[in-house]
């Protein structure tokens, strides 16, 4: 009979609900055995078509916190950003006019000491949340968190009420971009003190990062994912 090799890497994208009991149990056991994760996850579910957004309630965030990081219940904005088409009156007709949309940050600030992102020029994010380090950690794990990507120093954040209107005339939040850079991706090493097994997490705070028509359409995003897969499978070159 064929000998199966245990999977050492899972790619997870955009969890929007709590895990079932079996899913949570299996995922925790996988991690405890030294399994690695690439997780593309925001803390806010956003829909530009309806211009609605809501905080995601899921126990996936409890699991993320065992790696020493928290996904904030917000959306980050950046003056360096992608564009969307906005319908505007142009005389007697309405036309789609491309406008910069800070809720689609273009990332150009990388931790060049980290091989996963060291060669990238830019990465496109869609409705990303801010990542922060936890002040207190579980006594069960030794954790080492390393930053990977930041927004620019002309950033902002949206919390509580999420106004996704892309027209800055109707959305003042799109113009208030005077905050320092926001952390949007990390690599974390989590060592189980009892078993001494190491699990690594690469977290990108964008639930659309692997989806066609969003982050999955960016060639640079593809390079980041392939780098992350190689790294987490043990190819550090």
Protein backbone atom coordinates (compact mmCIF):
# COMPACT_ATOMS: atom_id res chain seq x y z
CA UNK A 1 0.00 0.00 0.00
CA UNK A 2 1.10 3.55 -0.68
CA UNK A 3 2.62 5.41 2.23
CA UNK A 4 0.92 8.79 2.68
CA UNK A 5 2.93 11.82 3.70
CA UNK A 6 1.23 14.13 6.17
CA UNK A 7 0.31 17.54 4.81
CA UNK A 8 2.49 20.27 6.34
CA UNK A 9 0.82 23.30 4.74
CA UNK A 10 -2.76 24.55 4.49
CA UNK A 11 -3.91 27.62 2.54
CA UNK A 12 -7.05 29.19 4.00
CA UNK A 13 -8.88 32.15 2.48
CA UNK A 14 -11.66 34.37 3.82
CA UNK A 15 -13.34 32.55 6.74
CA UNK A 16 -16.67 34.31 7.40
CA UNK A 17 -18.21 32.15 10.13
CA UNK A 18 -17.14 30.08 13.11
CA UNK A 19 -15.63 26.67 12.48
CA UNK A 20 -17.60 23.55 13.26
CA UNK A 21 -16.50 21.53 16.29
CA UNK A 22 -14.80 18.97 14.04
CA UNK A 23 -13.14 21.63 11.87
CA UNK A 24 -11.76 23.45 14.89
CA UNK A 25 -10.56 20.22 16.53
CA UNK A 26 -8.89 18.94 13.34
CA UNK A 27 -7.23 22.29 12.63
CA UNK A 28 -5.86 22.59 16.16
CA UNK A 29 -4.51 19.03 16.03
CA UNK A 30 -2.89 19.73 12.65
CA UNK A 31 -1.17 22.84 14.02
CA UNK A 32 -0.10 21.07 17.21
CA UNK A 33 1.63 18.43 15.05
CA UNK A 34 3.71 21.18 13.43
CA UNK A 35 1.45 22.01 10.49
CA UNK A 36 1.92 25.41 8.80
CA UNK A 37 -0.72 27.89 7.62
CA UNK A 38 -0.98 30.53 4.93
CA UNK A 39 -4.05 32.54 5.93
CA UNK A 40 -5.65 35.32 3.90
CA UNK A 41 -8.14 36.85 6.33
CA UNK A 42 -9.69 40.23 7.08
CA UNK A 43 -11.79 40.97 10.17
CA UNK A 44 -14.45 42.76 8.11
CA UNK A 45 -16.63 41.33 5.34
CA UNK A 46 -17.02 43.95 2.60
CA UNK A 47 -19.14 44.20 -0.54
CA UNK A 48 -18.45 47.15 -2.83
CA UNK A 49 -21.52 46.38 -4.97
CA UNK A 50 -23.89 46.97 -2.05
CA UNK A 51 -21.42 49.29 -0.25
CA UNK A 52 -21.98 47.30 2.94
CA UNK A 53 -19.44 45.91 5.41
CA UNK A 54 -19.77 44.03 8.69
CA UNK A 55 -17.37 42.74 11.33
CA UNK A 56 -16.80 38.99 10.97
CA UNK A 57 -17.54 36.91 14.07
CA UNK A 58 -15.51 33.72 13.96
CA UNK A 59 -13.38 31.59 16.26
CA UNK A 60 -10.66 31.66 13.57
CA UNK A 61 -9.50 34.88 15.28
CA UNK A 62 -8.95 33.02 18.57
CA UNK A 63 -6.71 30.63 16.68
CA UNK A 64 -4.80 33.51 15.07
CA UNK A 65 -4.13 34.99 18.51
CA UNK A 66 -2.26 31.84 19.60
CA UNK A 67 0.41 33.04 17.14
CA UNK A 68 0.78 36.31 19.05
CA UNK A 69 -1.14 38.60 16.69
CA UNK A 70 -4.60 40.12 16.49
CA UNK A 71 -6.65 41.17 13.48
CA UNK A 72 -8.30 44.47 14.38
CA UNK A 73 -11.99 45.06 13.66
CA UNK A 74 -11.23 47.74 11.11
CA UNK A 75 -10.39 48.46 7.48
CA UNK A 76 -7.15 50.18 6.53
CA UNK A 77 -6.93 52.92 3.92
CA UNK A 78 -3.91 54.13 1.97
CA UNK A 79 -3.34 57.06 -0.36
CA UNK A 80 -1.32 54.64 -2.52
CA UNK A 81 -4.19 52.56 -3.83
CA UNK A 82 -6.06 50.93 -6.67
CA UNK A 83 -8.89 52.44 -8.68
CA UNK A 84 -12.58 51.73 -9.16
CA UNK A 85 -15.06 53.08 -11.69
CA UNK A 86 -17.58 55.56 -10.27
CA UNK A 87 -20.69 56.63 -12.16
CA UNK A 88 -20.81 60.41 -12.54
CA UNK A 89 -22.98 62.88 -14.44
CA UNK A 90 -21.07 64.32 -17.40
CA UNK A 91 -23.48 66.80 -18.91
CA UNK A 92 -26.47 64.88 -20.21
CA UNK A 93 -24.96 61.43 -19.74
CA UNK A 94 -23.59 59.31 -16.93
CA UNK A 95 -20.13 57.88 -17.36
CA UNK A 96 -17.91 55.52 -15.42
CA UNK A 97 -14.97 57.58 -14.18
CA UNK A 98 -11.95 55.78 -12.65
CA UNK A 99 -11.17 57.06 -9.15
CA UNK A 100 -8.52 56.19 -6.61
CA UNK A 101 -10.03 54.06 -3.83
CA UNK A 102 -7.96 53.98 -0.61
CA UNK A 103 -9.74 50.85 0.62
CA UNK A 104 -7.74 48.97 -2.04
CA UNK A 105 -4.22 49.62 -0.71
CA UNK A 106 -1.20 49.06 -2.94
CA UNK A 107 1.59 47.87 -0.65
CA UNK A 108 5.15 48.98 -1.39
CA UNK A 109 6.64 48.86 2.11
CA UNK A 110 8.21 45.46 2.88
CA UNK A 111 10.45 43.98 5.53
CA UNK A 112 13.38 43.28 3.19
CA UNK A 113 14.99 41.02 5.80
CA UNK A 114 12.21 38.49 5.18
CA UNK A 115 12.86 36.33 2.11
CA UNK A 116 9.13 35.80 1.48
CA UNK A 117 8.71 39.47 0.48
CA UNK A 118 12.28 40.66 -0.10
CA UNK A 119 12.05 40.74 -3.90
CA UNK A 120 8.55 42.18 -4.29
CA UNK A 121 7.85 45.62 -5.75
CA UNK A 122 4.20 45.89 -4.74
CA UNK A 123 1.18 43.87 -3.59
CA UNK A 124 -2.51 44.69 -4.11
CA UNK A 125 -4.90 44.31 -1.15
CA UNK A 126 -8.70 44.50 -1.05
CA UNK A 127 -10.45 45.69 2.14
CA UNK A 128 -7.64 44.67 4.49
CA UNK A 129 -7.62 44.92 8.29
CA UNK A 130 -4.78 46.08 10.52
CA UNK A 131 -2.61 43.46 12.23
CA UNK A 132 -1.29 44.16 15.74
CA UNK A 133 0.89 42.30 18.22
CA UNK A 134 -0.74 40.93 21.36
CA UNK A 135 0.38 42.41 24.68
CA UNK A 136 -0.05 39.14 26.56
CA UNK A 137 0.61 35.66 25.18
CA UNK A 138 -0.51 32.16 26.12
CA UNK A 139 1.83 30.38 28.51
CA UNK A 140 1.55 27.27 26.31
CA UNK A 141 3.63 28.68 23.45
CA UNK A 142 6.83 30.51 22.63
CA UNK A 143 6.01 32.96 19.84
CA UNK A 144 8.16 35.01 17.47
CA UNK A 145 6.29 37.51 15.26
CA UNK A 146 7.99 39.10 12.25
CA UNK A 147 6.41 41.90 10.18
CA UNK A 148 6.14 41.43 6.42
CA UNK A 149 4.17 44.32 4.87
CA UNK A 150 2.96 47.81 5.75
CA UNK A 151 0.78 50.48 4.18
CA UNK A 152 2.38 53.87 3.50
CA UNK A 153 2.74 56.76 5.94
CA UNK A 154 -0.35 58.34 4.38
CA UNK A 155 -2.81 55.85 5.80
CA UNK A 156 -6.07 55.77 7.69
CA UNK A 157 -8.48 53.34 9.29
CA UNK A 158 -12.24 52.85 9.33
CA UNK A 159 -13.99 51.38 12.37
CA UNK A 160 -17.55 51.05 13.66
CA UNK A 161 -19.53 52.43 10.72
CA UNK A 162 -18.03 51.33 7.40
CA UNK A 163 -18.73 53.76 4.57
CA UNK A 164 -17.60 52.08 1.34
CA UNK A 165 -18.84 54.79 -1.01
CA UNK A 166 -15.98 55.26 -3.52
CA UNK A 167 -16.85 58.90 -4.27
CA UNK A 168 -14.77 61.16 -1.95
CA UNK A 169 -17.49 63.84 -2.21
CA UNK A 170 -19.75 61.51 -0.23
CA UNK A 171 -17.10 59.81 1.90
CA UNK A 172 -14.82 62.09 3.97
CA UNK A 173 -12.89 59.07 5.31
CA UNK A 174 -11.26 58.65 1.90
CA UNK A 175 -9.58 62.03 2.30
CA UNK A 176 -8.42 61.72 5.93
CA UNK A 177 -5.18 59.85 5.24
CA UNK A 178 -2.64 61.33 7.63
CA UNK A 179 -1.91 58.35 9.91
CA UNK A 180 1.36 56.37 10.14
CA UNK A 181 1.81 53.05 8.34
CA UNK A 182 -0.34 50.04 9.27
CA UNK A 183 0.88 46.46 9.55
CA UNK A 184 -1.04 44.20 7.14
CA UNK A 185 0.97 40.96 6.96
CA UNK A 186 3.18 38.96 9.33
CA UNK A 187 5.05 35.69 9.65
CA UNK A 188 4.76 34.08 13.08
CA UNK A 189 6.58 31.10 14.58
CA UNK A 190 4.71 29.27 17.36
CA UNK A 191 6.59 26.70 19.42
CA UNK A 192 4.53 24.35 21.60
CA UNK A 193 6.37 24.31 24.94
CA UNK A 194 5.16 20.81 25.81
CA UNK A 195 5.96 19.05 22.51
CA UNK A 196 8.64 21.47 21.14
CA UNK A 197 6.90 21.28 17.74
CA UNK A 198 7.00 24.43 15.60
CA UNK A 199 4.07 25.73 13.55
CA UNK A 200 4.42 28.76 11.30
CA UNK A 201 1.72 31.18 10.15
CA UNK A 202 1.92 33.64 7.28
CA UNK A 203 -1.04 36.00 7.64
CA UNK A 204 -2.16 38.51 4.99
CA UNK A 205 -5.09 40.56 6.27
CA UNK A 206 -7.14 40.40 3.04
CA UNK A 207 -9.95 37.85 2.64
CA UNK A 208 -9.83 38.30 -1.15
CA UNK A 209 -6.11 37.73 -1.54
CA UNK A 210 -6.50 34.33 -3.24
CA UNK A 211 -9.72 35.04 -5.15
CA UNK A 212 -9.88 35.46 -8.94
CA UNK A 213 -11.11 38.94 -9.83
CA UNK A 214 -9.55 40.39 -6.67
CA UNK A 215 -6.12 39.69 -5.16
CA UNK A 216 -5.79 36.52 -7.22
CA UNK A 217 -5.62 38.59 -10.42
CA UNK A 218 -2.36 40.31 -9.39
CA UNK A 219 0.89 38.71 -10.66
CA UNK A 220 2.81 40.14 -7.68
CA UNK A 221 0.31 38.55 -5.30
CA UNK A 222 0.95 35.22 -7.05
CA UNK A 223 4.67 35.61 -6.41
CA UNK A 224 4.06 36.27 -2.70
CA UNK A 225 1.87 33.16 -2.39
CA UNK A 226 4.42 30.98 -4.20
CA UNK A 227 7.22 32.38 -2.03
CA UNK A 228 5.15 31.66 1.08
CA UNK A 229 4.36 28.10 -0.03
CA UNK A 230 8.05 27.38 -0.75
CA UNK A 231 9.10 28.88 2.58
CA UNK A 232 6.51 27.04 4.66
CA UNK A 233 7.37 23.75 2.96
CA UNK A 234 11.01 24.19 3.94
CA UNK A 235 12.60 25.80 0.86
CA UNK A 236 14.13 28.89 2.45
CA UNK A 237 16.03 29.89 -0.74
